[in-house]
């Protein structure tokens, strides 16, 4: 159980409900899930969240019959140890994000990372701003973000932002249009 703050209200993220393969089908996962929900209720939580892979129908059934509703579907990407070498075609240009890229980047980020996901990676929109206020804000907050843009035939196709963190991982934000140019993303 991970406590989360959802727009000023208490909630919980239920993480890693798992049952050993030899004990599946005996109600353990359902009991764990219901116990977690009771725990959240006793602490006056307004909501509980969890993530489940779409290739796990048994878990999906347990969660749906326990009152969970799907509200966001997302994918995760992984590049393993054997990363292929991809060279960019000449018409694809990768460089520093320009200030005129910020409005599109902001629109794409708002679509890709809706407010329902902000408990996981909260957005401080001032950190992303490309204007003087954004630069001053980052300076005073000792934040150092790097932004790279991808253009294909002169059209902005995406912006990748990296933020150094003192934690175990550094977040990356990929902002891309709804209709993706696969060649530019690869």
Protein backbone atom coordinates (compact mmCIF):
# COMPACT_ATOMS: atom_id res chain seq x y z
CA UNK A 1 0.00 0.00 0.00
CA UNK A 2 1.50 3.27 -1.14
CA UNK A 3 -0.19 6.43 0.14
CA UNK A 4 -0.85 8.93 -2.65
CA UNK A 5 -2.25 12.43 -2.74
CA UNK A 6 -4.97 12.98 -5.32
CA UNK A 7 -5.68 16.70 -5.57
CA UNK A 8 -5.43 17.15 -1.83
CA UNK A 9 -7.31 13.96 -0.92
CA UNK A 10 -5.88 10.76 0.52
CA UNK A 11 -5.71 7.69 -1.68
CA UNK A 12 -3.71 4.49 -1.91
CA UNK A 13 -1.89 2.65 -4.66
CA UNK A 14 -2.07 -1.11 -4.25
CA UNK A 15 1.23 -2.46 -5.50
CA UNK A 16 2.30 -5.98 -6.38
CA UNK A 17 -0.56 -8.26 -5.42
CA UNK A 18 0.98 -11.63 -6.16
CA UNK A 19 0.23 -15.27 -5.44
CA UNK A 20 2.71 -18.12 -5.78
CA UNK A 21 1.73 -20.25 -8.81
CA UNK A 22 1.09 -23.33 -6.65
CA UNK A 23 -1.53 -21.40 -4.61
CA UNK A 24 -3.41 -19.62 -7.38
CA UNK A 25 -7.13 -20.17 -7.77
CA UNK A 26 -7.72 -20.48 -4.01
CA UNK A 27 -8.87 -16.90 -3.35
CA UNK A 28 -5.60 -15.54 -1.93
CA UNK A 29 -5.32 -12.67 -4.42
CA UNK A 30 -8.95 -11.66 -3.85
CA UNK A 31 -8.43 -11.77 -0.07
CA UNK A 32 -5.29 -9.64 -0.36
CA UNK A 33 -7.09 -7.12 -2.57
CA UNK A 34 -10.13 -6.87 -0.29
CA UNK A 35 -7.88 -6.52 2.76
CA UNK A 36 -6.03 -3.68 1.03
CA UNK A 37 -9.34 -1.95 0.23
CA UNK A 38 -10.46 -2.33 3.87
CA UNK A 39 -7.15 -0.84 4.98
CA UNK A 40 -7.71 2.17 2.69
CA UNK A 41 -11.33 2.60 3.89
CA UNK A 42 -10.27 2.54 7.56
CA UNK A 43 -7.89 5.40 6.81
CA UNK A 44 -10.59 7.49 5.12
CA UNK A 45 -9.09 7.18 1.66
CA UNK A 46 -11.27 8.52 -1.14
CA UNK A 47 -9.87 6.10 -3.71
CA UNK A 48 -7.59 3.16 -4.35
CA UNK A 49 -5.59 2.58 -7.51
CA UNK A 50 -3.69 -0.31 -8.98
CA UNK A 51 -2.07 -1.30 -12.21
CA UNK A 52 -2.55 -4.61 -13.96
CA UNK A 53 -1.16 -5.98 -17.18
CA UNK A 54 -3.74 -6.55 -19.88
CA UNK A 55 -2.40 -10.09 -20.38
CA UNK A 56 -3.51 -11.09 -16.86
CA UNK A 57 -7.25 -11.86 -17.20
CA UNK A 58 -7.46 -13.56 -13.80
CA UNK A 59 -6.25 -10.45 -11.99
CA UNK A 60 -8.46 -8.20 -14.13
CA UNK A 61 -11.49 -10.30 -13.15
CA UNK A 62 -10.61 -10.07 -9.44
CA UNK A 63 -10.20 -6.30 -9.63
CA UNK A 64 -13.38 -5.72 -11.66
CA UNK A 65 -15.46 -7.83 -9.28
CA UNK A 66 -13.87 -5.98 -6.33
CA UNK A 67 -15.22 -2.66 -7.60
CA UNK A 68 -12.28 -1.33 -9.61
CA UNK A 69 -12.98 0.44 -12.89
CA UNK A 70 -10.50 0.99 -15.67
CA UNK A 71 -9.81 4.68 -16.03
CA UNK A 72 -6.49 4.83 -17.86
CA UNK A 73 -4.73 2.43 -20.18
CA UNK A 74 -1.04 2.92 -20.69
CA UNK A 75 1.87 1.02 -22.12
CA UNK A 76 5.42 0.73 -20.94
CA UNK A 77 8.42 0.33 -23.17
CA UNK A 78 11.64 -1.51 -22.49
CA UNK A 79 14.83 -1.69 -24.47
CA UNK A 80 16.85 -4.65 -23.33
CA UNK A 81 20.58 -5.18 -23.29
CA UNK A 82 20.78 -5.81 -27.04
CA UNK A 83 19.81 -2.35 -28.25
CA UNK A 84 19.94 -2.18 -32.03
CA UNK A 85 21.85 0.63 -33.71
CA UNK A 86 19.38 2.91 -35.48
CA UNK A 87 20.75 5.63 -37.67
CA UNK A 88 18.49 8.58 -38.43
CA UNK A 89 17.51 9.40 -41.99
CA UNK A 90 18.75 12.79 -43.18
CA UNK A 91 15.32 14.44 -43.01
CA UNK A 92 15.09 13.69 -39.26
CA UNK A 93 16.78 16.24 -37.03
CA UNK A 94 17.38 15.80 -33.29
CA UNK A 95 18.45 18.82 -31.26
CA UNK A 96 17.76 20.99 -28.24
CA UNK A 97 14.14 21.96 -27.76
CA UNK A 98 13.43 25.44 -29.04
CA UNK A 99 11.16 27.81 -27.11
CA UNK A 100 8.57 27.68 -29.90
CA UNK A 101 8.27 23.90 -29.33
CA UNK A 102 6.93 24.38 -25.78
CA UNK A 103 3.24 25.01 -26.64
CA UNK A 104 2.99 21.72 -28.60
CA UNK A 105 5.03 19.86 -25.99
CA UNK A 106 2.68 21.12 -23.23
CA UNK A 107 -0.43 20.05 -25.20
CA UNK A 108 1.00 16.62 -25.90
CA UNK A 109 2.09 16.13 -22.26
CA UNK A 110 -1.38 17.06 -20.99
CA UNK A 111 -2.91 14.42 -23.28
CA UNK A 112 -0.36 11.68 -22.55
CA UNK A 113 -0.07 12.31 -18.80
CA UNK A 114 -3.57 13.25 -17.63
CA UNK A 115 -4.07 14.59 -14.11
CA UNK A 116 -5.07 11.09 -12.95
CA UNK A 117 -1.42 10.04 -13.35
CA UNK A 118 0.12 12.96 -11.50
CA UNK A 119 0.36 11.03 -8.22
CA UNK A 120 3.06 8.92 -9.87
CA UNK A 121 5.15 11.61 -11.52
CA UNK A 122 3.77 14.97 -10.45
CA UNK A 123 4.08 17.75 -12.99
CA UNK A 124 5.44 21.11 -12.03
CA UNK A 125 4.64 22.83 -15.30
CA UNK A 126 6.96 25.73 -14.45
CA UNK A 127 9.93 23.35 -14.77
CA UNK A 128 9.05 22.72 -18.43
CA UNK A 129 8.40 26.31 -19.45
CA UNK A 130 10.70 27.62 -22.18
CA UNK A 131 10.44 31.31 -21.27
CA UNK A 132 12.47 33.51 -18.92
CA UNK A 133 10.17 32.73 -15.99
CA UNK A 134 10.83 28.99 -16.48
CA UNK A 135 14.61 29.50 -16.58
CA UNK A 136 14.55 31.63 -13.41
CA UNK A 137 12.21 29.16 -11.69
CA UNK A 138 14.56 26.25 -12.47
CA UNK A 139 17.57 28.25 -11.32
CA UNK A 140 16.05 29.11 -7.93
CA UNK A 141 14.80 25.55 -7.44
CA UNK A 142 18.12 24.02 -8.53
CA UNK A 143 16.38 21.93 -11.18
CA UNK A 144 18.21 20.91 -14.31
CA UNK A 145 16.05 19.52 -17.09
CA UNK A 146 17.28 18.64 -20.54
CA UNK A 147 14.91 18.81 -23.53
CA UNK A 148 15.52 17.32 -26.97
CA UNK A 149 13.23 17.72 -29.94
CA UNK A 150 12.77 15.59 -33.04
CA UNK A 151 11.76 17.22 -36.29
CA UNK A 152 10.88 15.39 -39.50
CA UNK A 153 10.98 17.46 -42.65
CA UNK A 154 10.87 20.60 -40.48
CA UNK A 155 7.78 19.52 -38.49
CA UNK A 156 8.01 18.88 -34.73
CA UNK A 157 7.39 15.18 -34.12
CA UNK A 158 8.24 14.89 -30.41
CA UNK A 159 10.08 16.24 -27.41
CA UNK A 160 11.93 14.17 -24.82
CA UNK A 161 12.62 15.69 -21.39
CA UNK A 162 15.03 14.29 -18.82
CA UNK A 163 15.08 15.42 -15.19
CA UNK A 164 17.91 14.53 -12.86
CA UNK A 165 16.64 13.16 -9.57
CA UNK A 166 18.32 12.40 -6.27
CA UNK A 167 16.23 9.21 -6.06
CA UNK A 168 16.76 5.82 -7.63
CA UNK A 169 15.64 6.83 -11.10
CA UNK A 170 15.53 9.87 -13.34
CA UNK A 171 12.17 10.52 -14.99
CA UNK A 172 11.81 10.92 -18.74
CA UNK A 173 8.78 12.49 -20.41
CA UNK A 174 8.08 11.77 -24.06
CA UNK A 175 5.67 14.21 -25.67
CA UNK A 176 4.40 13.11 -29.07
CA UNK A 177 1.35 13.83 -31.21
CA UNK A 178 -1.60 11.45 -31.22
CA UNK A 179 -0.76 10.34 -34.74
CA UNK A 180 2.86 9.25 -34.48
CA UNK A 181 5.45 9.31 -37.25
CA UNK A 182 6.99 5.89 -36.49
CA UNK A 183 10.15 6.71 -38.43
CA UNK A 184 10.77 9.83 -36.35
CA UNK A 185 10.14 8.06 -33.02
CA UNK A 186 12.46 5.14 -33.81
